[in-house]
Amino acid sequence: MVVALALGAWPASAEDPLRDDELVVRQEGAHRLLLPKDWPVEHREDGVIQPVPVEQYLTLKFGRVADALDDVEQRLTRLEEALARLDAVDQALAQRLHALEADVGVRPPAGPSPLHGQGLESGDRPPPGPSPLQGRVPEKGGE
């Protein structure tokens, strides 16, 4: 069910092999065949023109689905690897921040940020007046 949802949500392109179920009339010699446009037609040595057997057609279709699923799995693996790299960078930055705070002597505030609720979440500038961080970070050149 998850696979069906994932493939259903995948954007279909004009050449998507999973969406070739459209019926078309194909002219093969004197024969007119009503088939899905991706159903191959075989020309046998004895002159018979006919669609390939349904088993062969379904094998072809399931092969295309398997290839598409392999592509999705490879993409998912690459995304998981990228996420793991980002998590490692996040952990390294958190450790570095903790070390820098320890070097400076700043203890992270308990509870919400002193800037919380001042409109800074949306990227606004802080309100005029004394900084809420004043006295927490030593000035450059002295303590």
N, C-alpha and C. Protein backbone atom coordinates (compact mmCIF):
# COMPACT_ATOMS: atom_id res chain seq x y z
N MET A 1 0.83 -1.19 0.00
CA MET A 1 0.00 0.00 0.00
C MET A 1 0.87 1.25 0.00
N VAL A 2 1.97 1.22 0.76
CA VAL A 2 2.88 2.36 0.80
C VAL A 2 3.52 2.57 -0.56
N VAL A 3 3.88 1.47 -1.21
CA VAL A 3 4.49 1.58 -2.54
C VAL A 3 3.50 2.20 -3.51
N ALA A 4 2.25 1.78 -3.45
CA ALA A 4 1.24 2.33 -4.35
C ALA A 4 1.05 3.82 -4.10
N LEU A 5 1.07 4.22 -2.84
CA LEU A 5 0.91 5.64 -2.54
C LEU A 5 2.12 6.43 -3.02
N ALA A 6 3.32 5.86 -2.82
CA ALA A 6 4.53 6.56 -3.26
C ALA A 6 4.56 6.70 -4.77
N LEU A 7 4.21 5.64 -5.47
CA LEU A 7 4.23 5.72 -6.93
C LEU A 7 3.10 6.58 -7.45
N GLY A 8 1.97 6.58 -6.75
CA GLY A 8 0.84 7.42 -7.17
C GLY A 8 1.14 8.89 -7.00
N ALA A 9 1.96 9.22 -6.00
CA ALA A 9 2.29 10.61 -5.74
C ALA A 9 3.43 11.10 -6.62
N TRP A 10 4.10 10.18 -7.27
CA TRP A 10 5.22 10.54 -8.14
C TRP A 10 4.70 11.28 -9.36
N PRO A 11 5.29 12.41 -9.75
CA PRO A 11 4.77 13.14 -10.91
C PRO A 11 4.97 12.33 -12.19
N ALA A 12 3.93 12.21 -12.96
CA ALA A 12 3.99 11.44 -14.20
C ALA A 12 4.45 12.34 -15.33
N SER A 13 5.49 11.90 -16.01
CA SER A 13 5.97 12.66 -17.16
C SER A 13 5.32 12.11 -18.42
N ALA A 14 5.57 12.77 -19.52
CA ALA A 14 4.98 12.36 -20.79
C ALA A 14 5.49 10.99 -21.22
N GLU A 15 6.71 10.61 -20.79
CA GLU A 15 7.29 9.34 -21.19
C GLU A 15 7.36 8.36 -20.03
N ASP A 16 6.49 8.49 -19.06
CA ASP A 16 6.50 7.62 -17.89
C ASP A 16 6.07 6.23 -18.31
N PRO A 17 6.93 5.22 -18.16
CA PRO A 17 6.57 3.88 -18.61
C PRO A 17 5.47 3.24 -17.78
N LEU A 18 5.19 3.79 -16.61
CA LEU A 18 4.13 3.22 -15.78
C LEU A 18 2.76 3.75 -16.18
N ARG A 19 2.70 4.70 -17.04
CA ARG A 19 1.43 5.33 -17.42
C ARG A 19 1.12 5.11 -18.91
N ASP A 20 1.61 4.03 -19.50
CA ASP A 20 1.42 3.78 -20.92
C ASP A 20 0.23 2.88 -21.20
N ASP A 21 -0.82 2.97 -20.41
CA ASP A 21 -1.96 2.08 -20.58
C ASP A 21 -2.97 2.58 -21.61
N GLU A 22 -2.70 3.70 -22.22
CA GLU A 22 -3.63 4.27 -23.20
C GLU A 22 -3.79 3.31 -24.38
N LEU A 23 -5.04 3.04 -24.74
CA LEU A 23 -5.32 2.15 -25.87
C LEU A 23 -5.18 2.91 -27.18
N VAL A 24 -4.54 2.27 -28.13
CA VAL A 24 -4.38 2.86 -29.46
C VAL A 24 -4.70 1.80 -30.51
N VAL A 25 -5.06 2.25 -31.68
CA VAL A 25 -5.26 1.36 -32.82
C VAL A 25 -3.94 1.35 -33.58
N ARG A 26 -3.36 0.16 -33.71
CA ARG A 26 -2.09 0.04 -34.41
C ARG A 26 -2.31 -0.68 -35.73
N GLN A 27 -1.71 -0.13 -36.74
CA GLN A 27 -1.81 -0.71 -38.08
C GLN A 27 -0.53 -1.52 -38.32
N GLU A 28 -0.65 -2.81 -38.40
CA GLU A 28 0.47 -3.71 -38.67
C GLU A 28 0.14 -4.48 -39.94
N GLY A 29 0.69 -4.02 -41.04
CA GLY A 29 0.35 -4.65 -42.31
C GLY A 29 -1.12 -4.43 -42.60
N ALA A 30 -1.86 -5.52 -42.87
CA ALA A 30 -3.30 -5.43 -43.13
C ALA A 30 -4.11 -5.53 -41.84
N HIS A 31 -3.44 -5.69 -40.72
CA HIS A 31 -4.13 -5.87 -39.43
C HIS A 31 -4.24 -4.56 -38.68
N ARG A 32 -5.40 -4.40 -38.04
CA ARG A 32 -5.59 -3.27 -37.13
C ARG A 32 -5.77 -3.86 -35.74
N LEU A 33 -4.90 -3.45 -34.80
CA LEU A 33 -4.92 -4.01 -33.45
C LEU A 33 -5.22 -2.91 -32.45
N LEU A 34 -6.15 -3.17 -31.55
CA LEU A 34 -6.46 -2.26 -30.47
C LEU A 34 -5.72 -2.76 -29.23
N LEU A 35 -4.65 -2.04 -28.86
CA LEU A 35 -3.77 -2.48 -27.77
C LEU A 35 -3.32 -1.27 -26.95
N PRO A 36 -2.87 -1.53 -25.72
CA PRO A 36 -2.17 -0.45 -25.02
C PRO A 36 -0.95 -0.05 -25.85
N LYS A 37 -0.61 1.22 -25.83
CA LYS A 37 0.44 1.70 -26.74
C LYS A 37 1.81 1.10 -26.44
N ASP A 38 2.01 0.53 -25.23
CA ASP A 38 3.32 -0.05 -24.94
C ASP A 38 3.33 -1.58 -25.12
N TRP A 39 2.25 -2.17 -25.63
CA TRP A 39 2.19 -3.62 -25.83
C TRP A 39 2.88 -3.95 -27.16
N PRO A 40 3.97 -4.69 -27.11
CA PRO A 40 4.68 -4.99 -28.36
C PRO A 40 3.92 -5.98 -29.26
N VAL A 41 4.20 -5.88 -30.53
CA VAL A 41 3.61 -6.77 -31.53
C VAL A 41 4.76 -7.58 -32.12
N GLU A 42 4.53 -8.89 -32.28
CA GLU A 42 5.58 -9.73 -32.85
C GLU A 42 5.22 -10.14 -34.28
N HIS A 43 6.24 -10.20 -35.10
CA HIS A 43 6.13 -10.66 -36.48
C HIS A 43 6.86 -12.00 -36.54
N ARG A 44 6.10 -13.06 -36.62
CA ARG A 44 6.72 -14.38 -36.63
C ARG A 44 7.19 -14.74 -38.04
N GLU A 45 8.07 -15.75 -38.08
CA GLU A 45 8.64 -16.17 -39.37
C GLU A 45 7.59 -16.72 -40.34
N ASP A 46 6.50 -17.27 -39.78
CA ASP A 46 5.47 -17.84 -40.66
C ASP A 46 4.49 -16.78 -41.17
N GLY A 47 4.81 -15.48 -40.93
CA GLY A 47 4.00 -14.39 -41.45
C GLY A 47 2.88 -13.94 -40.52
N VAL A 48 2.74 -14.56 -39.39
CA VAL A 48 1.70 -14.18 -38.45
C VAL A 48 2.13 -12.93 -37.69
N ILE A 49 1.20 -11.97 -37.61
CA ILE A 49 1.42 -10.75 -36.85
C ILE A 49 0.44 -10.77 -35.68
N GLN A 50 0.97 -10.69 -34.46
CA GLN A 50 0.10 -10.75 -33.29
C GLN A 50 0.76 -10.04 -32.11
N PRO A 51 -0.05 -9.63 -31.15
CA PRO A 51 0.54 -9.07 -29.93
C PRO A 51 1.33 -10.15 -29.20
N VAL A 52 2.36 -9.74 -28.49
CA VAL A 52 3.11 -10.72 -27.70
C VAL A 52 2.17 -11.30 -26.65
N PRO A 53 2.43 -12.51 -26.20
CA PRO A 53 1.55 -13.12 -25.19
C PRO A 53 1.46 -12.26 -23.93
N VAL A 54 0.31 -12.39 -23.26
CA VAL A 54 0.05 -11.56 -22.09
C VAL A 54 1.11 -11.78 -21.00
N GLU A 55 1.62 -13.00 -20.87
CA GLU A 55 2.65 -13.27 -19.87
C GLU A 55 3.90 -12.44 -20.14
N GLN A 56 4.28 -12.36 -21.42
CA GLN A 56 5.46 -11.59 -21.80
C GLN A 56 5.22 -10.09 -21.58
N TYR A 57 4.03 -9.63 -21.90
CA TYR A 57 3.68 -8.22 -21.70
C TYR A 57 3.71 -7.87 -20.21
N LEU A 58 3.10 -8.73 -19.36
CA LEU A 58 3.09 -8.47 -17.92
C LEU A 58 4.50 -8.52 -17.34
N THR A 59 5.34 -9.41 -17.84
CA THR A 59 6.74 -9.45 -17.40
C THR A 59 7.42 -8.13 -17.73
N LEU A 60 7.16 -7.61 -18.90
CA LEU A 60 7.71 -6.32 -19.31
C LEU A 60 7.22 -5.21 -18.38
N LYS A 61 5.92 -5.19 -18.10
CA LYS A 61 5.34 -4.15 -17.23
C LYS A 61 5.90 -4.25 -15.81
N PHE A 62 5.94 -5.47 -15.25
CA PHE A 62 6.46 -5.62 -13.90
C PHE A 62 7.95 -5.30 -13.84
N GLY A 63 8.66 -5.56 -14.91
CA GLY A 63 10.08 -5.17 -14.97
C GLY A 63 10.24 -3.66 -14.89
N ARG A 64 9.35 -2.95 -15.58
CA ARG A 64 9.40 -1.48 -15.52
C ARG A 64 9.06 -0.96 -14.13
N VAL A 65 8.08 -1.60 -13.49
CA VAL A 65 7.71 -1.20 -12.13
C VAL A 65 8.87 -1.49 -11.18
N ALA A 66 9.51 -2.64 -11.33
CA ALA A 66 10.65 -2.99 -10.48
C ALA A 66 11.79 -1.99 -10.67
N ASP A 67 12.05 -1.59 -11.93
CA ASP A 67 13.09 -0.59 -12.19
C ASP A 67 12.75 0.74 -11.52
N ALA A 68 11.49 1.16 -11.62
CA ALA A 68 11.07 2.42 -11.00
C ALA A 68 11.20 2.33 -9.48
N LEU A 69 10.85 1.19 -8.91
CA LEU A 69 10.98 0.99 -7.47
C LEU A 69 12.44 1.02 -7.05
N ASP A 70 13.32 0.42 -7.84
CA ASP A 70 14.76 0.47 -7.55
C ASP A 70 15.26 1.91 -7.57
N ASP A 71 14.79 2.70 -8.53
CA ASP A 71 15.19 4.11 -8.60
C ASP A 71 14.73 4.86 -7.36
N VAL A 72 13.50 4.60 -6.90
CA VAL A 72 12.98 5.26 -5.71
C VAL A 72 13.79 4.84 -4.48
N GLU A 73 14.12 3.56 -4.38
CA GLU A 73 14.90 3.08 -3.24
C GLU A 73 16.30 3.70 -3.23
N GLN A 74 16.92 3.84 -4.39
CA GLN A 74 18.24 4.48 -4.47
C GLN A 74 18.15 5.94 -4.05
N ARG A 75 17.12 6.61 -4.49
CA ARG A 75 16.93 8.01 -4.11
C ARG A 75 16.71 8.14 -2.61
N LEU A 76 15.91 7.24 -2.04
CA LEU A 76 15.66 7.24 -0.61
C LEU A 76 16.96 6.99 0.16
N THR A 77 17.78 6.08 -0.32
CA THR A 77 19.07 5.80 0.33
C THR A 77 19.95 7.04 0.31
N ARG A 78 20.00 7.72 -0.82
CA ARG A 78 20.81 8.96 -0.90
C ARG A 78 20.28 10.02 0.05
N LEU A 79 18.95 10.14 0.17
CA LEU A 79 18.37 11.11 1.09
C LEU A 79 18.67 10.76 2.54
N GLU A 80 18.61 9.48 2.87
CA GLU A 80 18.94 9.04 4.23
C GLU A 80 20.40 9.32 4.55
N GLU A 81 21.30 9.09 3.58
CA GLU A 81 22.72 9.38 3.80
C GLU A 81 22.94 10.87 3.99
N ALA A 82 22.26 11.69 3.21
CA ALA A 82 22.39 13.15 3.37
C ALA A 82 21.86 13.59 4.72
N LEU A 83 20.77 13.00 5.17
CA LEU A 83 20.21 13.33 6.48
C LEU A 83 21.19 12.94 7.59
N ALA A 84 21.83 11.79 7.46
CA ALA A 84 22.81 11.36 8.46
C ALA A 84 23.99 12.33 8.51
N ARG A 85 24.43 12.80 7.33
CA ARG A 85 25.53 13.79 7.30
C ARG A 85 25.10 15.09 7.97
N LEU A 86 23.88 15.53 7.71
CA LEU A 86 23.37 16.76 8.34
C LEU A 86 23.25 16.60 9.85
N ASP A 87 22.81 15.43 10.31
CA ASP A 87 22.73 15.18 11.75
C ASP A 87 24.11 15.23 12.38
N ALA A 88 25.13 14.67 11.70
CA ALA A 88 26.49 14.70 12.22
C ALA A 88 26.99 16.14 12.31
N VAL A 89 26.71 16.95 11.30
CA VAL A 89 27.11 18.35 11.33
C VAL A 89 26.39 19.09 12.45
N ASP A 90 25.11 18.80 12.62
CA ASP A 90 24.33 19.43 13.69
C ASP A 90 24.91 19.08 15.05
N GLN A 91 25.26 17.83 15.27
CA GLN A 91 25.84 17.42 16.55
C GLN A 91 27.19 18.08 16.76
N ALA A 92 28.02 18.15 15.72
CA ALA A 92 29.32 18.78 15.85
C ALA A 92 29.18 20.27 16.18
N LEU A 93 28.23 20.94 15.54
CA LEU A 93 28.01 22.36 15.82
C LEU A 93 27.48 22.57 17.23
N ALA A 94 26.61 21.68 17.69
CA ALA A 94 26.09 21.79 19.06
C ALA A 94 27.22 21.60 20.07
N GLN A 95 28.11 20.65 19.81
CA GLN A 95 29.25 20.45 20.71
C GLN A 95 30.18 21.66 20.69
N ARG A 96 30.41 22.20 19.52
CA ARG A 96 31.28 23.38 19.40
C ARG A 96 30.65 24.57 20.12
N LEU A 97 29.36 24.76 19.98
CA LEU A 97 28.67 25.85 20.66
C LEU A 97 28.77 25.68 22.17
N HIS A 98 28.58 24.46 22.64
CA HIS A 98 28.68 24.19 24.07
C HIS A 98 30.10 24.50 24.57
N ALA A 99 31.12 24.11 23.81
CA ALA A 99 32.51 24.38 24.19
C ALA A 99 32.78 25.88 24.21
N LEU A 100 32.27 26.60 23.20
CA LEU A 100 32.48 28.05 23.15
C LEU A 100 31.77 28.74 24.31
N GLU A 101 30.57 28.29 24.65
CA GLU A 101 29.86 28.87 25.78
C GLU A 101 30.62 28.61 27.08
N ALA A 102 31.20 27.41 27.20
CA ALA A 102 31.98 27.09 28.39
C ALA A 102 33.24 27.96 28.46
N ASP A 103 33.90 28.22 27.32
CA ASP A 103 35.10 29.06 27.29
C ASP A 103 34.78 30.49 27.70
N VAL A 104 33.65 30.99 27.25
CA VAL A 104 33.28 32.37 27.52
C VAL A 104 32.67 32.49 28.91
N GLY A 105 32.17 31.43 29.44
CA GLY A 105 31.56 31.47 30.76
C GLY A 105 30.09 31.79 30.72
N VAL A 106 29.48 31.63 29.61
CA VAL A 106 28.05 31.91 29.47
C VAL A 106 27.30 30.61 29.67
N ARG A 107 26.35 30.66 30.55
CA ARG A 107 25.49 29.51 30.75
C ARG A 107 24.25 29.70 29.89
N PRO A 108 23.84 28.68 29.12
CA PRO A 108 22.62 28.85 28.34
C PRO A 108 21.45 29.08 29.27
N PRO A 109 20.57 30.01 28.92
CA PRO A 109 19.43 30.30 29.79
C PRO A 109 18.48 29.12 29.89
N ALA A 110 17.91 28.96 31.06
CA ALA A 110 16.90 27.91 31.23
C ALA A 110 15.57 28.44 30.73
N GLY A 111 14.81 27.59 30.13
CA GLY A 111 13.49 27.99 29.64
C GLY A 111 13.57 28.61 28.27
N PRO A 112 12.55 29.37 27.91
CA PRO A 112 12.51 29.94 26.56
C PRO A 112 13.56 31.03 26.39
N SER A 113 13.90 31.29 25.15
CA SER A 113 14.87 32.32 24.81
C SER A 113 14.38 33.68 25.30
N PRO A 114 15.32 34.56 25.77
CA PRO A 114 14.88 35.89 26.19
C PRO A 114 14.32 36.70 25.02
N LEU A 115 14.57 36.26 23.81
CA LEU A 115 14.06 36.97 22.64
C LEU A 115 12.70 36.45 22.21
N HIS A 116 12.26 35.36 22.83
CA HIS A 116 10.98 34.75 22.47
C HIS A 116 9.83 35.73 22.74
N GLY A 117 8.96 35.87 21.78
CA GLY A 117 7.79 36.73 21.96
C GLY A 117 8.03 38.17 21.60
N GLN A 118 9.22 38.49 21.10
CA GLN A 118 9.52 39.88 20.74
C GLN A 118 9.48 40.09 19.23
N GLY A 119 8.88 39.16 18.51
CA GLY A 119 8.74 39.34 17.07
C GLY A 119 9.97 38.93 16.29
N LEU A 120 10.94 38.29 16.94
CA LEU A 120 12.17 37.94 16.25
C LEU A 120 12.07 36.62 15.51
N GLU A 121 11.02 35.85 15.77
CA GLU A 121 10.87 34.59 15.05
C GLU A 121 10.64 34.82 13.57
N SER A 122 10.06 35.95 13.22
CA SER A 122 9.76 36.22 11.81
C SER A 122 10.87 36.98 11.12
N GLY A 123 12.01 37.20 11.82
CA GLY A 123 13.13 37.88 11.19
C GLY A 123 13.12 39.38 11.42
N ASP A 124 12.24 39.90 12.30
CA ASP A 124 12.19 41.33 12.57
C ASP A 124 13.42 41.75 13.38
N ARG A 125 13.67 43.03 13.40
CA ARG A 125 14.76 43.56 14.22
C ARG A 125 14.30 43.66 15.65
N PRO A 126 15.24 43.58 16.64
CA PRO A 126 14.83 43.69 18.03
C PRO A 126 14.32 45.08 18.34
N PRO A 127 13.47 45.21 19.35
CA PRO A 127 12.94 46.53 19.70
C PRO A 127 14.05 47.40 20.28
N PRO A 128 13.92 48.72 20.15
CA PRO A 128 14.95 49.60 20.69
C PRO A 128 14.98 49.48 22.21
N GLY A 129 16.15 49.77 22.76
CA GLY A 129 16.29 49.70 24.21
C GLY A 129 17.40 48.75 24.57
N PRO A 130 17.54 48.45 25.85
CA PRO A 130 18.63 47.58 26.27
C PRO A 130 18.46 46.17 25.71
N SER A 131 19.58 45.56 25.40
CA SER A 131 19.57 44.21 24.85
C SER A 131 19.17 43.22 25.93
N PRO A 132 18.33 42.25 25.61
CA PRO A 132 17.98 41.24 26.60
C PRO A 132 19.17 40.35 26.95
N LEU A 133 20.24 40.40 26.15
CA LEU A 133 21.43 39.60 26.41
C LEU A 133 22.50 40.41 27.15
N GLN A 134 22.24 41.65 27.43
CA GLN A 134 23.23 42.51 28.07
C GLN A 134 23.61 41.92 29.42
N GLY A 135 24.92 41.85 29.69
CA GLY A 135 25.42 41.32 30.93
C GLY A 135 25.67 39.83 30.88
N ARG A 136 25.20 39.14 29.86
CA ARG A 136 25.43 37.71 29.75
C ARG A 136 26.68 37.39 28.97
N VAL A 137 27.05 38.23 28.03
CA VAL A 137 28.23 38.02 27.21
C VAL A 137 29.23 39.11 27.54
N PRO A 138 30.47 38.73 27.95
CA PRO A 138 31.44 39.77 28.29
C PRO A 138 31.80 40.60 27.07
N GLU A 139 32.07 41.86 27.29
CA GLU A 139 32.47 42.77 26.22
C GLU A 139 33.85 42.36 25.71
N LYS A 140 34.14 42.69 24.45
CA LYS A 140 35.46 42.42 23.88
C LYS A 140 36.49 43.28 24.59
N GLY A 141 37.64 42.69 24.85
CA GLY A 141 38.73 43.45 25.43
C GLY A 141 38.70 43.45 26.94
N GLY A 142 37.76 42.86 27.58
CA GLY A 142 37.73 42.84 29.03
C GLY A 142 36.50 42.15 29.52
N GLU A 143 36.47 41.95 30.85
CA GLU A 143 35.32 41.24 31.38
C GLU A 143 34.53 42.11 32.29
